[in-house]
Amino acid sequence: MPRKGKLSQQAKEEEQAPDFVKARRAHSAVESAINALEVHGLDVCRDHGIDGFKRYVALAVLARNIHRIGAIVWQQDVQREERKSNYAQRYKPPKLAA
């Protein structure tokens, strides 16, 4: 993590190194993933011991993945309906004379 306050020349060079910058940018993604897990069941672990904790984490990750897959499928359905309506508006069949 970046240091607070005025940096020494050595600390400034360390924080501007490509590896440090890459890790700092990845940190926000990790925080986002942790928040998503907390929202989907990992906020309080009621199981005891390391085995219970591992099971709880696995179930929270599974719940997050199912939620994400559902969002992707829903978005695909919305896009499919939009394409259908756009197609129907563009290509109206000719009316037959009666």
C-alpha atoms as a PDB file:
ATOM      1  CA  MET A   1       0.000   0.000   0.000  1.00  0.00           C
ATOM      2  CA  PRO A   2       1.183   3.554  -0.624  1.00  0.00           C
ATOM      3  CA  ARG A   3       2.638   5.441   2.292  1.00  0.00           C
ATOM      4  CA  LYS A   4       0.978   8.536   3.682  1.00  0.00           C
ATOM      5  CA  GLY A   5       2.566  11.943   3.831  1.00  0.00           C
ATOM      6  CA  LYS A   6       5.675  13.309   2.186  1.00  0.00           C
ATOM      7  CA  LEU A   7       7.794  10.552   0.692  1.00  0.00           C
ATOM      8  CA  SER A   8      11.541  10.204   0.727  1.00  0.00           C
ATOM      9  CA  GLN A   9      13.279   9.862  -2.615  1.00  0.00           C
ATOM     10  CA  GLN A  10      13.748   6.124  -2.071  1.00  0.00           C
ATOM     11  CA  ALA A  11      10.088   5.572  -1.114  1.00  0.00           C
ATOM     12  CA  LYS A  12       8.979   7.650  -4.096  1.00  0.00           C
ATOM     13  CA  GLU A  13      11.042   5.484  -6.447  1.00  0.00           C
ATOM     14  CA  GLU A  14       9.616   2.296  -4.880  1.00  0.00           C
ATOM     15  CA  GLU A  15       6.030   3.503  -5.305  1.00  0.00           C
ATOM     16  CA  GLN A  16       6.627   4.458  -8.936  1.00  0.00           C
ATOM     17  CA  ALA A  17       8.034   1.038  -9.818  1.00  0.00           C
ATOM     18  CA  PRO A  18       5.876  -0.849 -12.365  1.00  0.00           C
ATOM     19  CA  ASP A  19       5.321  -3.806 -10.002  1.00  0.00           C
ATOM     20  CA  PHE A  20       4.114  -1.526  -7.209  1.00  0.00           C
ATOM     21  CA  VAL A  21       1.749   0.363  -9.531  1.00  0.00           C
ATOM     22  CA  LYS A  22       0.335  -2.913 -10.856  1.00  0.00           C
ATOM     23  CA  ALA A  23      -0.227  -4.242  -7.320  1.00  0.00           C
ATOM     24  CA  ARG A  24      -1.858  -0.972  -6.224  1.00  0.00           C
ATOM     25  CA  ARG A  25      -4.292  -1.121  -9.146  1.00  0.00           C
ATOM     26  CA  ALA A  26      -5.107  -4.780  -8.436  1.00  0.00           C
ATOM     27  CA  HIS A  27      -5.861  -3.938  -4.803  1.00  0.00           C
ATOM     28  CA  SER A  28      -9.130  -2.184  -5.660  1.00  0.00           C
ATOM     29  CA  ALA A  29     -10.265  -5.266  -7.623  1.00  0.00           C
ATOM     30  CA  VAL A  30      -9.541  -7.436  -4.600  1.00  0.00           C
ATOM     31  CA  GLU A  31     -11.517  -5.082  -2.346  1.00  0.00           C
ATOM     32  CA  SER A  32     -14.419  -5.228  -4.798  1.00  0.00           C
ATOM     33  CA  ALA A  33     -14.360  -9.023  -4.809  1.00  0.00           C
ATOM     34  CA  ILE A  34     -14.293  -9.109  -1.000  1.00  0.00           C
ATOM     35  CA  ASN A  35     -17.303  -6.793  -0.866  1.00  0.00           C
ATOM     36  CA  ALA A  36     -19.194  -8.977  -3.354  1.00  0.00           C
ATOM     37  CA  LEU A  37     -18.500 -12.042  -1.211  1.00  0.00           C
ATOM     38  CA  GLU A  38     -19.675 -10.236   1.923  1.00  0.00           C
ATOM     39  CA  VAL A  39     -22.913  -9.235   0.204  1.00  0.00           C
ATOM     40  CA  HIS A  40     -23.483 -12.823  -0.923  1.00  0.00           C
ATOM     41  CA  GLY A  41     -23.120 -14.575   2.404  1.00  0.00           C
ATOM     42  CA  LEU A  42     -19.582 -14.237   3.737  1.00  0.00           C
ATOM     43  CA  ASP A  43     -20.188 -11.342   6.118  1.00  0.00           C
ATOM     44  CA  VAL A  44     -20.514 -13.559   9.207  1.00  0.00           C
ATOM     45  CA  CYS A  45     -19.140 -17.088   9.482  1.00  0.00           C
ATOM     46  CA  ARG A  46     -21.268 -19.078  11.925  1.00  0.00           C
ATOM     47  CA  ASP A  47     -19.403 -22.346  11.360  1.00  0.00           C
ATOM     48  CA  HIS A  48     -16.635 -23.271  13.771  1.00  0.00           C
ATOM     49  CA  GLY A  49     -13.125 -24.362  12.900  1.00  0.00           C
ATOM     50  CA  ILE A  50     -11.096 -24.196   9.739  1.00  0.00           C
ATOM     51  CA  ASP A  51     -13.225 -26.800   7.922  1.00  0.00           C
ATOM     52  CA  GLY A  52     -16.392 -24.818   8.574  1.00  0.00           C
ATOM     53  CA  PHE A  53     -14.678 -21.616   7.448  1.00  0.00           C
ATOM     54  CA  LYS A  54     -13.484 -23.235   4.217  1.00  0.00           C
ATOM     55  CA  ARG A  55     -16.998 -24.552   3.561  1.00  0.00           C
ATOM     56  CA  TYR A  56     -18.460 -21.095   4.236  1.00  0.00           C
ATOM     57  CA  VAL A  57     -16.012 -19.419   1.844  1.00  0.00           C
ATOM     58  CA  ALA A  58     -16.693 -22.025  -0.858  1.00  0.00           C
ATOM     59  CA  LEU A  59     -20.454 -21.487  -0.550  1.00  0.00           C
ATOM     60  CA  ALA A  60     -20.057 -17.707  -0.695  1.00  0.00           C
ATOM     61  CA  VAL A  61     -17.924 -17.969  -3.842  1.00  0.00           C
ATOM     62  CA  LEU A  62     -20.493 -20.341  -5.357  1.00  0.00           C
ATOM     63  CA  ALA A  63     -23.322 -17.924  -4.530  1.00  0.00           C
ATOM     64  CA  ARG A  64     -21.420 -15.041  -6.117  1.00  0.00           C
ATOM     65  CA  ASN A  65     -20.723 -17.074  -9.261  1.00  0.00           C
ATOM     66  CA  ILE A  66     -24.378 -18.092  -9.596  1.00  0.00           C
ATOM     67  CA  HIS A  67     -25.421 -14.469  -9.142  1.00  0.00           C
ATOM     68  CA  ARG A  68     -22.959 -13.354 -11.824  1.00  0.00           C
ATOM     69  CA  ILE A  69     -24.051 -16.075 -14.275  1.00  0.00           C
ATOM     70  CA  GLY A  70     -27.681 -15.058 -13.717  1.00  0.00           C
ATOM     71  CA  ALA A  71     -26.841 -11.431 -14.499  1.00  0.00           C
ATOM     72  CA  ILE A  72     -25.062 -12.465 -17.703  1.00  0.00           C
ATOM     73  CA  VAL A  73     -27.970 -14.669 -18.837  1.00  0.00           C
ATOM     74  CA  TRP A  74     -30.453 -11.886 -18.048  1.00  0.00           C
ATOM     75  CA  GLN A  75     -28.399  -9.390 -20.065  1.00  0.00           C
ATOM     76  CA  GLN A  76     -28.269 -11.815 -23.005  1.00  0.00           C
ATOM     77  CA  ASP A  77     -32.064 -12.158 -22.880  1.00  0.00           C
ATOM     78  CA  VAL A  78     -32.474  -8.387 -22.897  1.00  0.00           C
ATOM     79  CA  GLN A  79     -30.143  -8.051 -25.879  1.00  0.00           C
ATOM     80  CA  ARG A  80     -31.957 -10.850 -27.735  1.00  0.00           C
ATOM     81  CA  GLU A  81     -35.322  -9.119 -27.216  1.00  0.00           C
ATOM     82  CA  GLU A  82     -33.853  -5.816 -28.414  1.00  0.00           C
ATOM     83  CA  ARG A  83     -32.536  -7.475 -31.577  1.00  0.00           C
ATOM     84  CA  LYS A  84     -35.922  -9.082 -32.215  1.00  0.00           C
ATOM     85  CA  SER A  85     -37.759  -5.784 -31.860  1.00  0.00           C
ATOM     86  CA  ASN A  86     -35.222  -3.968 -34.057  1.00  0.00           C
ATOM     87  CA  TYR A  87     -35.518  -6.669 -36.707  1.00  0.00           C
ATOM     88  CA  ALA A  88     -39.325  -6.541 -36.602  1.00  0.00           C
ATOM     89  CA  GLN A  89     -39.280  -2.763 -37.051  1.00  0.00           C
ATOM     90  CA  ARG A  90     -36.891  -2.863 -39.999  1.00  0.00           C
ATOM     91  CA  TYR A  91     -38.362  -5.776 -41.921  1.00  0.00           C
ATOM     92  CA  LYS A  92     -42.127  -5.647 -41.910  1.00  0.00           C
ATOM     93  CA  PRO A  93     -43.631  -8.234 -44.238  1.00  0.00           C
ATOM     94  CA  PRO A  94     -45.503  -6.792 -47.219  1.00  0.00           C
ATOM     95  CA  LYS A  95     -49.275  -6.712 -46.901  1.00  0.00           C
ATOM     96  CA  LEU A  96     -51.124  -8.959 -49.280  1.00  0.00           C
ATOM     97  CA  ALA A  97     -53.897  -7.502 -51.372  1.00  0.00           C
ATOM     98  CA  ALA A  98     -57.285  -8.849 -50.447  1.00  0.00           C
END
